[in-house]
Amino acid sequence: MPIAKFLKSAVLPSDYPDPAVPEIALVGRSNSGKSTLLNAICGQPVAKVSGTPGKTRLINFFQVGEHYRLVDLPGYGYAVRNDDERKMWSQMIHDFFATRENLKGFLLICDMRREWTGDEQLIFDLSQSRGLNILCILTKLDKLGQNESRKLFQNWLKTSRLSPDFFRPVSSMENDGIKEMEKFIFQSWIKPLIDEKGAC
């Protein structure tokens, strides 16, 4: 696993790090397990984990090895936020999606105990409109029994009407499926860009 390190936090595009390498954004509902997943992918505690929804308020950039970055975006759907915070979140996310040319894909992080909603569909539609890779990571598998997880997975397929290949059930706490997911992302999304750059 590549060594990962925190680069910086930002709100405005002028504060983003240099777009020198591809970036993959982690986006999901508040308390979906984004920070825990990020730590599991990186193999070390690079992101703060909190049981309080809406803890991530900034866009946080993490360098993973030499070839790409992970970008932890503030969670959506946190109802307690006031109107000013919601507007700031909306503008911050819009600016990131609109201006970040080196954004190559999304990891849509979802608590497996929930189901596909209009919020997730919006993220999916945005990825399609920009021609970006997207994978839905179903977290908190460790909190479910085998029969329950199978039933919930079928419900995700039914409510999203998407292929089973689009979803990756994982347990960040027990590291189930994490290495396979990271390998898929690197081989399918990042390595072709490295090879293309090397061929130029």
C-alpha atoms as a PDB file:
ATOM      1  CA  MET A   1       0.000   0.000   0.000  1.00  0.00           C
ATOM      2  CA  PRO A   2       1.445   3.439  -0.940  1.00  0.00           C
ATOM      3  CA  ILE A   3       2.373   5.792   1.886  1.00  0.00           C
ATOM      4  CA  ALA A   4      -0.363   8.389   2.386  1.00  0.00           C
ATOM      5  CA  LYS A   5      -0.034  11.816   3.956  1.00  0.00           C
ATOM      6  CA  PHE A   6      -2.289  14.774   4.640  1.00  0.00           C
ATOM      7  CA  LEU A   7      -1.547  17.689   2.316  1.00  0.00           C
ATOM      8  CA  LYS A   8      -3.923  20.496   3.247  1.00  0.00           C
ATOM      9  CA  SER A   9      -7.500  21.607   3.857  1.00  0.00           C
ATOM     10  CA  ALA A  10      -9.250  24.117   1.622  1.00  0.00           C
ATOM     11  CA  VAL A  11     -12.518  25.905   0.961  1.00  0.00           C
ATOM     12  CA  LEU A  12     -11.734  28.114  -2.023  1.00  0.00           C
ATOM     13  CA  PRO A  13     -10.290  26.894  -5.348  1.00  0.00           C
ATOM     14  CA  SER A  14      -7.374  29.293  -4.868  1.00  0.00           C
ATOM     15  CA  ASP A  15      -6.374  27.231  -1.833  1.00  0.00           C
ATOM     16  CA  TYR A  16      -6.395  23.834  -3.576  1.00  0.00           C
ATOM     17  CA  PRO A  17      -3.032  22.101  -4.032  1.00  0.00           C
ATOM     18  CA  ASP A  18      -1.376  22.071  -7.429  1.00  0.00           C
ATOM     19  CA  PRO A  19      -3.374  19.841  -9.829  1.00  0.00           C
ATOM     20  CA  ALA A  20      -0.272  17.868 -10.739  1.00  0.00           C
ATOM     21  CA  VAL A  21      -1.679  14.389 -10.132  1.00  0.00           C
ATOM     22  CA  PRO A  22      -5.077  12.674 -10.564  1.00  0.00           C
ATOM     23  CA  GLU A  23      -7.536  12.975  -7.700  1.00  0.00           C
ATOM     24  CA  ILE A  24     -10.317  10.714  -6.490  1.00  0.00           C
ATOM     25  CA  ALA A  25     -13.040  12.302  -4.374  1.00  0.00           C
ATOM     26  CA  LEU A  26     -14.728  10.582  -1.456  1.00  0.00           C
ATOM     27  CA  VAL A  27     -18.294  11.811  -1.178  1.00  0.00           C
ATOM     28  CA  GLY A  28     -21.148  10.537   0.938  1.00  0.00           C
ATOM     29  CA  ARG A  29     -23.833  11.233   3.473  1.00  0.00           C
ATOM     30  CA  SER A  30     -22.715  12.504   6.884  1.00  0.00           C
ATOM     31  CA  ASN A  31     -21.765   9.606   9.176  1.00  0.00           C
ATOM     32  CA  SER A  32     -21.481   7.174   6.259  1.00  0.00           C
ATOM     33  CA  GLY A  33     -17.978   6.142   7.353  1.00  0.00           C
ATOM     34  CA  LYS A  34     -15.900   8.231   4.919  1.00  0.00           C
ATOM     35  CA  SER A  35     -13.104   9.056   7.344  1.00  0.00           C
ATOM     36  CA  THR A  36     -12.874   5.477   8.611  1.00  0.00           C
ATOM     37  CA  LEU A  37     -12.728   4.214   5.026  1.00  0.00           C
ATOM     38  CA  LEU A  38     -10.053   6.759   4.123  1.00  0.00           C
ATOM     39  CA  ASN A  39      -7.923   5.574   7.031  1.00  0.00           C
ATOM     40  CA  ALA A  40      -8.423   1.950   5.991  1.00  0.00           C
ATOM     41  CA  ILE A  41      -7.422   2.676   2.377  1.00  0.00           C
ATOM     42  CA  CYS A  42      -4.315   4.549   3.501  1.00  0.00           C
ATOM     43  CA  GLY A  43      -3.416   1.966   6.131  1.00  0.00           C
ATOM     44  CA  GLN A  44      -2.915   4.616   8.803  1.00  0.00           C
ATOM     45  CA  PRO A  45      -4.984   7.256  10.680  1.00  0.00           C
ATOM     46  CA  VAL A  46      -4.713  10.163   8.239  1.00  0.00           C
ATOM     47  CA  ALA A  47      -8.282  11.411   8.839  1.00  0.00           C
ATOM     48  CA  LYS A  48     -10.024  12.219  12.101  1.00  0.00           C
ATOM     49  CA  VAL A  49     -12.929   9.904  12.874  1.00  0.00           C
ATOM     50  CA  SER A  50     -15.933  11.149  14.816  1.00  0.00           C
ATOM     51  CA  GLY A  51     -19.285   9.695  15.809  1.00  0.00           C
ATOM     52  CA  THR A  52     -20.766  13.150  15.280  1.00  0.00           C
ATOM     53  CA  PRO A  53     -22.328  13.623  11.818  1.00  0.00           C
ATOM     54  CA  GLY A  54     -21.093  16.582   9.810  1.00  0.00           C
ATOM     55  CA  LYS A  55     -17.641  16.696  11.421  1.00  0.00           C
ATOM     56  CA  THR A  56     -15.805  17.238   8.119  1.00  0.00           C
ATOM     57  CA  ARG A  57     -16.398  20.890   7.164  1.00  0.00           C
ATOM     58  CA  LEU A  58     -13.485  21.441   4.758  1.00  0.00           C
ATOM     59  CA  ILE A  59     -12.168  19.776   1.625  1.00  0.00           C
ATOM     60  CA  ASN A  60      -9.199  17.676   2.792  1.00  0.00           C
ATOM     61  CA  PHE A  61      -6.492  16.546   0.361  1.00  0.00           C
ATOM     62  CA  PHE A  62      -4.347  13.443   0.961  1.00  0.00           C
ATOM     63  CA  GLN A  63      -1.403  12.385  -1.194  1.00  0.00           C
ATOM     64  CA  VAL A  64      -1.280   8.605  -1.775  1.00  0.00           C
ATOM     65  CA  GLY A  65       2.184   7.609  -2.952  1.00  0.00           C
ATOM     66  CA  GLU A  66       3.478   9.457  -5.998  1.00  0.00           C
ATOM     67  CA  HIS A  67       0.635   8.936  -8.413  1.00  0.00           C
ATOM     68  CA  TYR A  68      -2.684  10.163  -7.012  1.00  0.00           C
ATOM     69  CA  ARG A  69      -4.591  11.911  -4.231  1.00  0.00           C
ATOM     70  CA  LEU A  70      -7.715  11.184  -2.259  1.00  0.00           C
ATOM     71  CA  VAL A  71      -9.983  14.137  -1.537  1.00  0.00           C
ATOM     72  CA  ASP A  72     -12.324  13.905   1.456  1.00  0.00           C
ATOM     73  CA  LEU A  73     -15.390  16.076   0.845  1.00  0.00           C
ATOM     74  CA  PRO A  74     -17.788  17.249   3.576  1.00  0.00           C
ATOM     75  CA  GLY A  75     -20.759  14.903   4.000  1.00  0.00           C
ATOM     76  CA  TYR A  76     -24.163  15.804   2.632  1.00  0.00           C
ATOM     77  CA  GLY A  77     -27.576  15.441   4.250  1.00  0.00           C
ATOM     78  CA  TYR A  78     -26.728  16.730   7.726  1.00  0.00           C
ATOM     79  CA  ALA A  79     -30.053  18.336   8.736  1.00  0.00           C
ATOM     80  CA  VAL A  80     -28.786  20.179  11.845  1.00  0.00           C
ATOM     81  CA  ARG A  81     -26.646  22.552   9.801  1.00  0.00           C
ATOM     82  CA  ASN A  82     -28.070  26.061   9.508  1.00  0.00           C
ATOM     83  CA  ASP A  83     -28.876  27.742   6.191  1.00  0.00           C
ATOM     84  CA  ASP A  84     -25.544  29.589   5.971  1.00  0.00           C
ATOM     85  CA  GLU A  85     -23.606  26.341   6.456  1.00  0.00           C
ATOM     86  CA  ARG A  86     -25.707  24.554   3.841  1.00  0.00           C
ATOM     87  CA  LYS A  87     -25.104  27.347   1.328  1.00  0.00           C
ATOM     88  CA  MET A  88     -21.368  27.324   2.060  1.00  0.00           C
ATOM     89  CA  TRP A  89     -21.274  23.525   1.632  1.00  0.00           C
ATOM     90  CA  SER A  90     -23.177  23.729  -1.648  1.00  0.00           C
ATOM     91  CA  GLN A  91     -20.901  26.449  -3.051  1.00  0.00           C
ATOM     92  CA  MET A  92     -17.735  24.683  -1.875  1.00  0.00           C
ATOM     93  CA  ILE A  93     -18.743  21.411  -3.513  1.00  0.00           C
ATOM     94  CA  HIS A  94     -19.914  23.134  -6.699  1.00  0.00           C
ATOM     95  CA  ASP A  95     -16.608  25.010  -7.019  1.00  0.00           C
ATOM     96  CA  PHE A  96     -14.624  21.820  -6.529  1.00  0.00           C
ATOM     97  CA  PHE A  97     -16.560  19.836  -9.145  1.00  0.00           C
ATOM     98  CA  ALA A  98     -16.611  22.730 -11.610  1.00  0.00           C
ATOM     99  CA  THR A  99     -12.950  23.705 -11.447  1.00  0.00           C
ATOM    100  CA  ARG A 100     -10.963  20.563 -10.615  1.00  0.00           C
ATOM    101  CA  GLU A 101      -9.744  19.336 -13.987  1.00  0.00           C
ATOM    102  CA  ASN A 102      -7.596  16.578 -12.470  1.00  0.00           C
ATOM    103  CA  LEU A 103     -10.605  14.949 -10.768  1.00  0.00           C
ATOM    104  CA  LYS A 104     -10.784  11.449 -12.241  1.00  0.00           C
ATOM    105  CA  GLY A 105     -13.407   9.671 -10.187  1.00  0.00           C
ATOM    106  CA  PHE A 106     -15.720   9.407  -7.214  1.00  0.00           C
ATOM    107  CA  LEU A 107     -15.992   6.945  -4.391  1.00  0.00           C
ATOM    108  CA  LEU A 108     -19.612   7.298  -3.311  1.00  0.00           C
ATOM    109  CA  ILE A 109     -19.577   6.168   0.328  1.00  0.00           C
ATOM    110  CA  CYS A 110     -22.858   4.780   1.677  1.00  0.00           C
ATOM    111  CA  ASP A 111     -23.880   3.076   4.908  1.00  0.00           C
ATOM    112  CA  MET A 112     -25.135  -0.316   3.757  1.00  0.00           C
ATOM    113  CA  ARG A 113     -28.024  -0.106   6.243  1.00  0.00           C
ATOM    114  CA  ARG A 114     -29.552   2.777   4.290  1.00  0.00           C
ATOM    115  CA  GLU A 115     -30.719   2.718   0.667  1.00  0.00           C
ATOM    116  CA  TRP A 116     -30.244   4.580  -2.613  1.00  0.00           C
ATOM    117  CA  THR A 117     -31.930   8.003  -2.581  1.00  0.00           C
ATOM    118  CA  GLY A 118     -32.145  11.090  -4.757  1.00  0.00           C
ATOM    119  CA  ASP A 119     -28.960  12.437  -3.129  1.00  0.00           C
ATOM    120  CA  GLU A 120     -26.928   9.465  -4.336  1.00  0.00           C
ATOM    121  CA  GLN A 121     -28.556   9.712  -7.760  1.00  0.00           C
ATOM    122  CA  LEU A 122     -27.430  13.343  -8.030  1.00  0.00           C
ATOM    123  CA  ILE A 123     -23.811  12.346  -7.381  1.00  0.00           C
ATOM    124  CA  PHE A 124     -24.090   9.510  -9.901  1.00  0.00           C
ATOM    125  CA  ASP A 125     -25.612  11.828 -12.534  1.00  0.00           C
ATOM    126  CA  LEU A 126     -22.868  14.392 -11.927  1.00  0.00           C
ATOM    127  CA  SER A 127     -20.175  11.770 -12.491  1.00  0.00           C
ATOM    128  CA  GLN A 128     -21.844  10.683 -15.723  1.00  0.00           C
ATOM    129  CA  SER A 129     -22.211  14.248 -16.997  1.00  0.00           C
ATOM    130  CA  ARG A 130     -18.462  14.781 -16.562  1.00  0.00           C
ATOM    131  CA  GLY A 131     -17.477  11.346 -17.833  1.00  0.00           C
ATOM    132  CA  LEU A 132     -15.830  10.424 -14.519  1.00  0.00           C
ATOM    133  CA  ASN A 133     -15.340   7.029 -12.926  1.00  0.00           C
ATOM    134  CA  ILE A 134     -17.590   6.212  -9.977  1.00  0.00           C
ATOM    135  CA  LEU A 135     -17.855   3.321  -7.556  1.00  0.00           C
ATOM    136  CA  CYS A 136     -20.301   2.976  -4.674  1.00  0.00           C
ATOM    137  CA  ILE A 137     -18.669   1.700  -1.481  1.00  0.00           C
ATOM    138  CA  LEU A 138     -21.148   0.124   0.942  1.00  0.00           C
ATOM    139  CA  THR A 139     -19.664   0.469   4.416  1.00  0.00           C
ATOM    140  CA  LYS A 140     -20.327  -0.997   7.879  1.00  0.00           C
ATOM    141  CA  LEU A 141     -20.571  -4.567   6.624  1.00  0.00           C
ATOM    142  CA  ASP A 142     -19.213  -5.689  10.005  1.00  0.00           C
ATOM    143  CA  LYS A 143     -22.411  -4.497  11.702  1.00  0.00           C
ATOM    144  CA  LEU A 144     -24.537  -6.944   9.690  1.00  0.00           C
ATOM    145  CA  GLY A 145     -25.093 -10.665   9.628  1.00  0.00           C
ATOM    146  CA  GLN A 146     -24.554 -12.558   6.384  1.00  0.00           C
ATOM    147  CA  ASN A 147     -28.252 -12.979   5.578  1.00  0.00           C
ATOM    148  CA  GLU A 148     -29.056  -9.373   6.415  1.00  0.00           C
ATOM    149  CA  SER A 149     -26.183  -8.046   4.302  1.00  0.00           C
ATOM    150  CA  ARG A 150     -27.337 -10.112   1.309  1.00  0.00           C
ATOM    151  CA  LYS A 151     -30.890  -8.812   1.694  1.00  0.00           C
ATOM    152  CA  LEU A 152     -29.733  -5.201   1.983  1.00  0.00           C
ATOM    153  CA  PHE A 153     -27.413  -5.567  -1.000  1.00  0.00           C
ATOM    154  CA  GLN A 154     -30.327  -6.767  -3.134  1.00  0.00           C
ATOM    155  CA  ASN A 155     -32.280  -3.703  -1.994  1.00  0.00           C
ATOM    156  CA  TRP A 156     -29.447  -1.416  -3.166  1.00  0.00           C
ATOM    157  CA  LEU A 157     -29.590  -3.073  -6.565  1.00  0.00           C
ATOM    158  CA  LYS A 158     -33.361  -2.698  -6.699  1.00  0.00           C
ATOM    159  CA  THR A 159     -33.559   0.951  -5.611  1.00  0.00           C
ATOM    160  CA  SER A 160     -30.598   2.135  -7.713  1.00  0.00           C
ATOM    161  CA  ARG A 161     -31.284  -0.066 -10.755  1.00  0.00           C
ATOM    162  CA  LEU A 162     -27.523  -0.309 -11.243  1.00  0.00           C
ATOM    163  CA  SER A 163     -25.216  -3.259 -11.881  1.00  0.00           C
ATOM    164  CA  PRO A 164     -23.805  -5.311  -8.969  1.00  0.00           C
ATOM    165  CA  ASP A 165     -20.316  -4.388 -10.260  1.00  0.00           C
ATOM    166  CA  PHE A 166     -21.027  -0.769  -9.327  1.00  0.00           C
ATOM    167  CA  PHE A 167     -21.135  -1.666  -5.609  1.00  0.00           C
ATOM    168  CA  ARG A 168     -18.341  -2.762  -3.272  1.00  0.00           C
ATOM    169  CA  PRO A 169     -19.442  -3.898   0.230  1.00  0.00           C
ATOM    170  CA  VAL A 170     -16.592  -3.389   2.705  1.00  0.00           C
ATOM    171  CA  SER A 171     -15.797  -3.370   6.397  1.00  0.00           C
ATOM    172  CA  SER A 172     -13.348  -0.588   7.175  1.00  0.00           C
ATOM    173  CA  MET A 173     -13.043  -1.778  10.765  1.00  0.00           C
ATOM    174  CA  GLU A 174     -12.121  -5.340   9.796  1.00  0.00           C
ATOM    175  CA  ASN A 175     -10.389  -4.434   6.496  1.00  0.00           C
ATOM    176  CA  ASP A 176     -12.689  -6.709   4.497  1.00  0.00           C
ATOM    177  CA  GLY A 177     -12.639  -5.769   0.809  1.00  0.00           C
ATOM    178  CA  ILE A 178     -10.380  -2.737   1.304  1.00  0.00           C
ATOM    179  CA  LYS A 179      -7.252  -4.034  -0.445  1.00  0.00           C
ATOM    180  CA  GLU A 180      -9.308  -5.386  -3.347  1.00  0.00           C
ATOM    181  CA  MET A 181     -11.062  -2.038  -3.731  1.00  0.00           C
ATOM    182  CA  GLU A 182      -7.790  -0.063  -3.616  1.00  0.00           C
ATOM    183  CA  LYS A 183      -6.197  -2.407  -6.153  1.00  0.00           C
ATOM    184  CA  PHE A 184      -9.176  -2.038  -8.501  1.00  0.00           C
ATOM    185  CA  ILE A 185      -9.071   1.766  -8.271  1.00  0.00           C
ATOM    186  CA  PHE A 186      -5.353   1.927  -8.966  1.00  0.00           C
ATOM    187  CA  GLN A 187      -5.360  -0.622 -11.801  1.00  0.00           C
ATOM    188  CA  SER A 188      -8.523   0.668 -13.501  1.00  0.00           C
ATOM    189  CA  TRP A 189      -8.458   4.419 -12.865  1.00  0.00           C
ATOM    190  CA  ILE A 190      -4.882   5.506 -12.120  1.00  0.00           C
ATOM    191  CA  LYS A 191      -2.490   3.148 -13.906  1.00  0.00           C
ATOM    192  CA  PRO A 192      -3.910   3.867 -17.388  1.00  0.00           C
ATOM    193  CA  LEU A 193      -3.188   7.567 -16.767  1.00  0.00           C
ATOM    194  CA  ILE A 194       0.377   6.771 -15.687  1.00  0.00           C
ATOM    195  CA  ASP A 195       0.887   4.580 -18.766  1.00  0.00           C
ATOM    196  CA  GLU A 196      -0.571   7.276 -21.032  1.00  0.00           C
ATOM    197  CA  LYS A 197       1.695   9.907 -19.536  1.00  0.00           C
ATOM    198  CA  GLY A 198       4.715   7.650 -19.941  1.00  0.00           C
ATOM    199  CA  ALA A 199       3.884   7.090 -23.588  1.00  0.00           C
ATOM    200  CA  CYS A 200       3.834  10.829 -24.342  1.00  0.00           C
END
